């Protein structure tokens, strides 16, 4: 079997690109690598890329240098998780509170990890997870 080294990108679809990009920069401190009316690509701190797409702009194939990017889309409340160190859990609770972002739920997993869940401006479920959530994390 050929090797897989992890997940490179994950995508969310938003109603208001300016509002979403401001949220991810302010609340999570992510830096945009590419910004435009259709797509903002954030560096997820060297561990992948968060793609934020404007709703309604991705369903058609897009010609790109060297090929075609197939159309795609997602709708409803989507979910994604960021890895955080266990020692940073209290700092994240405090930071989210300072940013006016309520923690919707906190789960203490049986393997020892903890997840903080909150919503972005589009209602997507964002998770901050410490090690112990999965056998491989």
N, C-alpha and C. Protein backbone atom coordinates (compact mmCIF):
# COMPACT_ATOMS: atom_id res chain seq x y z
N UNK A 1 0.84 -1.18 0.00
CA UNK A 1 0.00 0.00 0.00
C UNK A 1 0.88 1.24 0.00
N UNK A 2 0.65 2.18 -0.91
CA UNK A 2 1.40 3.44 -0.87
C UNK A 2 1.11 4.21 0.42
N UNK A 3 2.06 5.00 0.86
CA UNK A 3 2.01 5.70 2.14
C UNK A 3 1.15 6.96 2.09
N UNK A 4 0.46 7.27 3.18
CA UNK A 4 -0.22 8.55 3.41
C UNK A 4 0.46 9.19 4.61
N UNK A 5 0.82 10.47 4.51
CA UNK A 5 1.53 11.15 5.58
C UNK A 5 0.66 12.05 6.43
N UNK A 6 -0.63 12.09 6.20
CA UNK A 6 -1.51 12.94 6.99
C UNK A 6 -2.47 13.70 6.10
N UNK A 7 -3.23 14.58 6.68
CA UNK A 7 -4.19 15.40 5.94
C UNK A 7 -3.54 16.75 5.65
N UNK A 8 -3.57 17.15 4.39
CA UNK A 8 -2.95 18.40 3.97
C UNK A 8 -3.91 19.59 4.10
N UNK A 9 -5.16 19.40 3.62
CA UNK A 9 -6.12 20.50 3.60
C UNK A 9 -7.46 20.05 4.16
N UNK A 10 -8.17 20.99 4.72
CA UNK A 10 -9.58 20.82 5.03
C UNK A 10 -10.27 22.11 4.63
N UNK A 11 -11.55 22.02 4.30
CA UNK A 11 -12.25 23.18 3.76
C UNK A 11 -13.55 23.44 4.49
N UNK A 12 -13.85 24.72 4.65
CA UNK A 12 -15.14 25.18 5.14
C UNK A 12 -15.71 26.15 4.12
N UNK A 13 -17.02 26.27 4.08
CA UNK A 13 -17.70 27.12 3.13
C UNK A 13 -18.49 28.17 3.92
N UNK A 14 -18.34 29.45 3.53
CA UNK A 14 -18.85 30.53 4.36
C UNK A 14 -19.73 31.49 3.55
N UNK A 15 -20.61 32.18 4.28
CA UNK A 15 -21.50 33.15 3.66
C UNK A 15 -20.83 34.50 3.46
N UNK A 16 -19.90 34.87 4.34
CA UNK A 16 -19.27 36.18 4.29
C UNK A 16 -17.76 36.00 4.46
N UNK A 17 -17.04 36.11 3.37
CA UNK A 17 -15.59 35.85 3.36
C UNK A 17 -14.85 36.80 4.31
N UNK A 18 -15.17 38.09 4.29
CA UNK A 18 -14.47 39.04 5.16
C UNK A 18 -14.68 38.70 6.63
N UNK A 19 -15.90 38.39 7.00
CA UNK A 19 -16.20 38.03 8.39
C UNK A 19 -15.47 36.76 8.80
N UNK A 20 -15.47 35.75 7.94
CA UNK A 20 -14.81 34.48 8.26
C UNK A 20 -13.30 34.64 8.37
N UNK A 21 -12.68 35.33 7.42
CA UNK A 21 -11.23 35.47 7.48
C UNK A 21 -10.81 36.28 8.70
N UNK A 22 -11.58 37.29 9.05
CA UNK A 22 -11.27 38.07 10.26
C UNK A 22 -11.37 37.19 11.51
N UNK A 23 -12.39 36.31 11.57
CA UNK A 23 -12.57 35.42 12.71
C UNK A 23 -11.38 34.48 12.87
N UNK A 24 -10.97 33.81 11.81
CA UNK A 24 -9.88 32.84 11.92
C UNK A 24 -8.53 33.51 12.20
N UNK A 25 -8.34 34.71 11.71
CA UNK A 25 -7.11 35.44 12.02
C UNK A 25 -7.12 35.92 13.47
N UNK A 26 -8.25 36.47 13.92
CA UNK A 26 -8.34 37.04 15.27
C UNK A 26 -8.41 35.97 16.34
N UNK A 27 -9.28 34.99 16.17
CA UNK A 27 -9.53 34.02 17.23
C UNK A 27 -8.47 32.93 17.28
N UNK A 28 -8.03 32.43 16.12
CA UNK A 28 -7.04 31.34 16.11
C UNK A 28 -5.64 31.81 15.74
N UNK A 29 -5.49 33.06 15.36
CA UNK A 29 -4.17 33.57 15.03
C UNK A 29 -3.58 32.97 13.76
N UNK A 30 -4.44 32.50 12.85
CA UNK A 30 -3.96 31.90 11.62
C UNK A 30 -3.58 32.99 10.62
N UNK A 31 -2.54 32.72 9.85
CA UNK A 31 -2.08 33.68 8.84
C UNK A 31 -2.53 33.24 7.46
N UNK A 32 -3.10 34.18 6.72
CA UNK A 32 -3.54 33.89 5.36
C UNK A 32 -2.33 33.80 4.43
N UNK A 33 -2.31 32.76 3.63
CA UNK A 33 -1.26 32.60 2.61
C UNK A 33 -1.77 33.09 1.26
N UNK A 34 -3.07 32.92 1.02
CA UNK A 34 -3.73 33.36 -0.21
C UNK A 34 -5.06 33.97 0.22
N UNK A 35 -5.39 35.13 -0.34
CA UNK A 35 -6.68 35.77 -0.04
C UNK A 35 -7.31 36.24 -1.33
N UNK A 36 -8.61 35.99 -1.45
CA UNK A 36 -9.35 36.45 -2.61
C UNK A 36 -10.84 36.37 -2.33
N UNK A 37 -11.66 36.80 -3.27
CA UNK A 37 -13.10 36.77 -3.05
C UNK A 37 -13.68 35.36 -3.02
N UNK A 38 -13.01 34.39 -3.63
CA UNK A 38 -13.48 33.00 -3.69
C UNK A 38 -12.86 32.13 -2.62
N UNK A 39 -11.60 32.39 -2.27
CA UNK A 39 -10.84 31.50 -1.40
C UNK A 39 -9.87 32.27 -0.52
N UNK A 40 -9.79 31.88 0.74
CA UNK A 40 -8.69 32.26 1.61
C UNK A 40 -8.07 30.97 2.12
N UNK A 41 -6.75 30.87 1.99
CA UNK A 41 -6.01 29.70 2.47
C UNK A 41 -5.17 30.12 3.66
N UNK A 42 -5.43 29.50 4.81
CA UNK A 42 -4.70 29.80 6.04
C UNK A 42 -3.66 28.73 6.33
N UNK A 43 -2.50 29.16 6.78
CA UNK A 43 -1.48 28.25 7.29
C UNK A 43 -1.93 27.80 8.67
N UNK A 44 -2.15 26.49 8.83
CA UNK A 44 -2.57 25.94 10.13
C UNK A 44 -1.32 25.60 10.94
N UNK A 45 -0.46 26.59 11.08
CA UNK A 45 0.76 26.50 11.88
C UNK A 45 1.69 25.38 11.42
N UNK A 46 1.82 25.24 10.10
CA UNK A 46 2.74 24.25 9.55
C UNK A 46 2.22 22.83 9.57
N UNK A 47 0.97 22.64 10.03
CA UNK A 47 0.40 21.30 10.12
C UNK A 47 -0.79 21.13 9.19
N UNK A 48 -0.81 21.82 8.10
CA UNK A 48 -1.90 21.71 7.14
C UNK A 48 -2.39 23.08 6.74
N UNK A 49 -3.44 23.06 5.92
CA UNK A 49 -4.00 24.28 5.36
C UNK A 49 -5.51 24.27 5.58
N UNK A 50 -6.03 25.36 6.10
CA UNK A 50 -7.47 25.56 6.23
C UNK A 50 -7.91 26.41 5.05
N UNK A 51 -8.77 25.84 4.22
CA UNK A 51 -9.31 26.55 3.07
C UNK A 51 -10.69 27.07 3.42
N UNK A 52 -10.90 28.37 3.25
CA UNK A 52 -12.20 28.99 3.46
C UNK A 52 -12.70 29.42 2.08
N UNK A 53 -13.82 28.83 1.65
CA UNK A 53 -14.40 29.14 0.36
C UNK A 53 -15.68 29.93 0.52
N UNK A 54 -15.88 30.89 -0.36
CA UNK A 54 -17.14 31.63 -0.43
C UNK A 54 -18.22 30.69 -0.95
N UNK A 55 -19.34 30.59 -0.22
CA UNK A 55 -20.46 29.75 -0.68
C UNK A 55 -20.81 30.09 -2.12
N UNK A 56 -21.12 29.05 -2.89
CA UNK A 56 -21.59 29.23 -4.25
C UNK A 56 -20.52 29.46 -5.29
N UNK A 57 -19.24 29.37 -4.91
CA UNK A 57 -18.18 29.66 -5.89
C UNK A 57 -17.32 28.46 -6.23
N UNK A 58 -17.69 27.27 -5.74
CA UNK A 58 -16.79 26.13 -5.89
C UNK A 58 -17.41 24.92 -6.58
N UNK A 59 -18.66 25.00 -6.95
CA UNK A 59 -19.34 23.82 -7.49
C UNK A 59 -18.90 23.48 -8.91
N UNK A 60 -18.41 24.43 -9.65
CA UNK A 60 -17.96 24.18 -11.02
C UNK A 60 -16.46 23.89 -11.04
N UNK A 61 -16.04 23.07 -12.01
CA UNK A 61 -14.61 22.85 -12.22
C UNK A 61 -13.93 24.18 -12.50
N UNK A 62 -12.68 24.31 -12.05
CA UNK A 62 -11.91 25.53 -12.25
C UNK A 62 -10.62 25.18 -13.00
N UNK A 63 -10.39 25.80 -14.16
CA UNK A 63 -9.10 25.58 -14.83
C UNK A 63 -7.97 26.15 -13.99
N UNK A 64 -6.91 25.39 -13.87
CA UNK A 64 -5.73 25.84 -13.13
C UNK A 64 -4.51 25.58 -14.00
N UNK A 65 -3.42 26.24 -13.66
CA UNK A 65 -2.19 25.99 -14.38
C UNK A 65 -1.85 24.51 -14.23
N UNK A 66 -1.82 23.79 -15.34
CA UNK A 66 -1.45 22.38 -15.30
C UNK A 66 -2.60 21.42 -15.15
N UNK A 67 -3.87 21.89 -15.13
CA UNK A 67 -4.98 20.95 -15.01
C UNK A 67 -6.28 21.60 -14.60
N UNK A 68 -7.17 20.79 -14.08
CA UNK A 68 -8.51 21.23 -13.68
C UNK A 68 -8.70 20.88 -12.21
N UNK A 69 -9.18 21.84 -11.42
CA UNK A 69 -9.56 21.57 -10.04
C UNK A 69 -11.05 21.18 -10.08
N UNK A 70 -11.38 19.95 -9.67
CA UNK A 70 -12.78 19.52 -9.71
C UNK A 70 -13.66 20.36 -8.80
N UNK A 71 -14.88 20.60 -9.22
CA UNK A 71 -15.84 21.32 -8.40
C UNK A 71 -16.15 20.54 -7.12
N UNK A 72 -16.47 21.27 -6.06
CA UNK A 72 -16.80 20.66 -4.77
C UNK A 72 -17.63 21.66 -3.98
N UNK A 73 -18.26 21.19 -2.94
CA UNK A 73 -19.04 22.07 -2.08
C UNK A 73 -19.43 21.33 -0.81
N UNK A 74 -19.70 22.06 0.22
CA UNK A 74 -20.21 21.52 1.47
C UNK A 74 -21.28 22.45 1.98
N UNK A 75 -22.22 21.91 2.71
CA UNK A 75 -23.27 22.77 3.27
C UNK A 75 -23.63 22.28 4.66
N UNK A 76 -24.31 23.13 5.38
CA UNK A 76 -24.67 22.81 6.75
C UNK A 76 -23.52 23.09 7.69
N UNK A 77 -23.69 22.67 8.93
CA UNK A 77 -22.66 22.89 9.94
C UNK A 77 -21.59 21.83 9.78
N UNK A 78 -20.45 22.23 9.28
CA UNK A 78 -19.33 21.32 9.09
C UNK A 78 -18.45 21.33 10.34
N UNK A 79 -17.51 20.39 10.41
CA UNK A 79 -16.67 20.24 11.60
C UNK A 79 -15.21 20.11 11.18
N UNK A 80 -14.35 20.68 12.00
CA UNK A 80 -12.91 20.47 11.86
C UNK A 80 -12.27 20.63 13.22
N UNK A 81 -11.09 20.02 13.39
CA UNK A 81 -10.39 20.08 14.68
C UNK A 81 -8.94 20.49 14.47
N UNK A 82 -8.45 21.29 15.41
CA UNK A 82 -7.04 21.66 15.46
C UNK A 82 -6.41 20.95 16.64
N UNK A 83 -5.17 20.48 16.47
CA UNK A 83 -4.40 19.91 17.57
C UNK A 83 -3.87 21.05 18.44
N UNK A 84 -3.97 20.89 19.76
CA UNK A 84 -3.35 21.84 20.68
C UNK A 84 -2.61 21.06 21.77
N UNK A 85 -1.54 21.59 22.32
CA UNK A 85 -0.87 20.92 23.44
C UNK A 85 -1.75 20.94 24.69
N UNK A 86 -1.71 19.88 25.46
CA UNK A 86 -2.48 19.81 26.68
C UNK A 86 -2.19 20.95 27.64
N UNK A 87 -0.94 21.38 27.68
CA UNK A 87 -0.54 22.47 28.58
C UNK A 87 -1.15 23.81 28.17
N UNK A 88 -1.71 23.92 26.96
CA UNK A 88 -2.29 25.17 26.46
C UNK A 88 -3.81 25.24 26.65
N UNK A 89 -4.42 24.21 27.21
CA UNK A 89 -5.87 24.15 27.32
C UNK A 89 -6.44 25.35 28.08
N UNK A 90 -5.88 25.66 29.25
CA UNK A 90 -6.38 26.80 30.02
C UNK A 90 -6.17 28.12 29.28
N UNK A 91 -5.04 28.24 28.60
CA UNK A 91 -4.78 29.46 27.82
C UNK A 91 -5.81 29.61 26.70
N UNK A 92 -6.19 28.51 26.06
CA UNK A 92 -7.21 28.58 25.01
C UNK A 92 -8.57 28.94 25.59
N UNK A 93 -8.93 28.37 26.74
CA UNK A 93 -10.21 28.74 27.37
C UNK A 93 -10.24 30.26 27.61
N UNK A 94 -9.16 30.78 28.18
CA UNK A 94 -9.08 32.21 28.47
C UNK A 94 -9.12 33.03 27.19
N UNK A 95 -8.37 32.64 26.18
CA UNK A 95 -8.32 33.38 24.93
C UNK A 95 -9.68 33.43 24.24
N UNK A 96 -10.36 32.29 24.19
CA UNK A 96 -11.69 32.28 23.57
C UNK A 96 -12.62 33.22 24.32
N UNK A 97 -12.58 33.19 25.65
CA UNK A 97 -13.40 34.11 26.45
C UNK A 97 -13.08 35.56 26.16
N UNK A 98 -11.79 35.89 26.06
CA UNK A 98 -11.37 37.27 25.75
C UNK A 98 -11.85 37.72 24.38
N UNK A 99 -11.96 36.76 23.45
CA UNK A 99 -12.41 37.07 22.09
C UNK A 99 -13.93 37.06 21.96
N UNK A 100 -14.63 36.77 23.05
CA UNK A 100 -16.09 36.73 23.01
C UNK A 100 -16.64 35.50 22.31
N UNK A 101 -15.85 34.43 22.28
CA UNK A 101 -16.26 33.19 21.63
C UNK A 101 -16.61 32.18 22.72
N UNK A 102 -17.89 31.89 22.91
CA UNK A 102 -18.25 30.95 23.97
C UNK A 102 -17.87 29.51 23.62
N UNK A 103 -17.38 28.78 24.60
CA UNK A 103 -17.13 27.35 24.44
C UNK A 103 -18.49 26.67 24.51
N UNK A 104 -18.86 26.00 23.44
CA UNK A 104 -20.15 25.34 23.36
C UNK A 104 -20.16 24.07 24.20
N UNK A 105 -19.04 23.34 24.16
CA UNK A 105 -18.95 22.09 24.89
C UNK A 105 -17.49 21.78 25.17
N UNK A 106 -17.26 21.08 26.28
CA UNK A 106 -15.93 20.57 26.61
C UNK A 106 -16.10 19.09 26.91
N UNK A 107 -15.28 18.26 26.24
CA UNK A 107 -15.36 16.82 26.42
C UNK A 107 -14.02 16.31 26.93
N UNK A 108 -14.07 15.56 28.02
CA UNK A 108 -12.89 14.88 28.56
C UNK A 108 -12.97 13.42 28.11
N UNK A 109 -12.10 13.05 27.18
CA UNK A 109 -12.14 11.73 26.57
C UNK A 109 -11.55 10.67 27.50
N UNK A 110 -12.05 9.45 27.38
CA UNK A 110 -11.61 8.36 28.26
C UNK A 110 -10.13 8.05 28.11
N UNK A 111 -9.55 8.31 26.95
CA UNK A 111 -8.12 8.06 26.74
C UNK A 111 -7.25 9.18 27.31
N UNK A 112 -7.87 10.27 27.79
CA UNK A 112 -7.11 11.31 28.45
C UNK A 112 -7.10 12.66 27.77
N UNK A 113 -7.54 12.75 26.54
CA UNK A 113 -7.56 14.03 25.84
C UNK A 113 -8.78 14.86 26.21
N UNK A 114 -8.71 16.14 25.87
CA UNK A 114 -9.82 17.07 26.09
C UNK A 114 -10.07 17.83 24.81
N UNK A 115 -11.35 18.05 24.50
CA UNK A 115 -11.74 18.83 23.34
C UNK A 115 -12.58 20.02 23.77
N UNK A 116 -12.26 21.19 23.23
CA UNK A 116 -13.09 22.38 23.37
C UNK A 116 -13.79 22.59 22.03
N UNK A 117 -15.10 22.76 22.07
CA UNK A 117 -15.88 22.99 20.86
C UNK A 117 -16.48 24.39 20.90
N UNK A 118 -16.42 25.08 19.76
CA UNK A 118 -17.07 26.38 19.63
C UNK A 118 -17.52 26.53 18.19
N UNK A 119 -18.27 27.58 17.92
CA UNK A 119 -18.79 27.82 16.57
C UNK A 119 -18.10 29.02 15.94
N UNK A 120 -17.90 28.93 14.63
CA UNK A 120 -17.42 30.10 13.90
C UNK A 120 -18.64 30.93 13.48
N UNK A 121 -18.46 32.07 12.82
CA UNK A 121 -19.62 32.90 12.48
C UNK A 121 -20.64 32.24 11.57
N UNK A 122 -20.24 31.18 10.83
CA UNK A 122 -21.17 30.47 9.96
C UNK A 122 -21.80 29.26 10.64
N UNK A 123 -21.52 29.05 11.92
CA UNK A 123 -22.10 27.94 12.65
C UNK A 123 -21.31 26.65 12.56
N UNK A 124 -20.17 26.66 11.86
CA UNK A 124 -19.35 25.46 11.78
C UNK A 124 -18.84 25.11 13.18
N UNK A 125 -18.67 23.82 13.42
CA UNK A 125 -18.20 23.34 14.72
C UNK A 125 -16.69 23.21 14.66
N UNK A 126 -16.01 24.04 15.44
CA UNK A 126 -14.56 24.05 15.49
C UNK A 126 -14.13 23.42 16.80
N UNK A 127 -13.14 22.55 16.72
CA UNK A 127 -12.66 21.82 17.88
C UNK A 127 -11.19 22.09 18.10
N UNK A 128 -10.81 22.27 19.35
CA UNK A 128 -9.42 22.33 19.76
C UNK A 128 -9.20 21.09 20.61
N UNK A 129 -8.30 20.20 20.20
CA UNK A 129 -8.16 18.90 20.85
C UNK A 129 -6.74 18.67 21.35
N UNK A 130 -6.64 18.19 22.60
CA UNK A 130 -5.35 17.83 23.17
C UNK A 130 -5.06 16.37 22.88
N UNK A 131 -3.79 15.94 22.99
CA UNK A 131 -3.47 14.53 22.76
C UNK A 131 -4.29 13.62 23.68
N UNK A 132 -4.63 12.45 23.15
CA UNK A 132 -5.42 11.48 23.87
C UNK A 132 -6.80 11.31 23.27
N UNK A 133 -7.12 12.09 22.24
CA UNK A 133 -8.43 11.99 21.59
C UNK A 133 -8.55 10.68 20.81
N UNK A 134 -7.52 10.37 20.03
CA UNK A 134 -7.49 9.18 19.20
C UNK A 134 -6.27 8.34 19.55
N UNK A 135 -6.28 7.06 19.23
CA UNK A 135 -5.08 6.23 19.50
C UNK A 135 -3.82 6.76 18.81
N UNK A 136 -3.98 7.45 17.66
CA UNK A 136 -2.82 7.98 16.95
C UNK A 136 -2.55 9.45 17.29
N UNK A 137 -3.26 9.99 18.27
CA UNK A 137 -3.01 11.37 18.71
C UNK A 137 -3.25 11.48 20.19
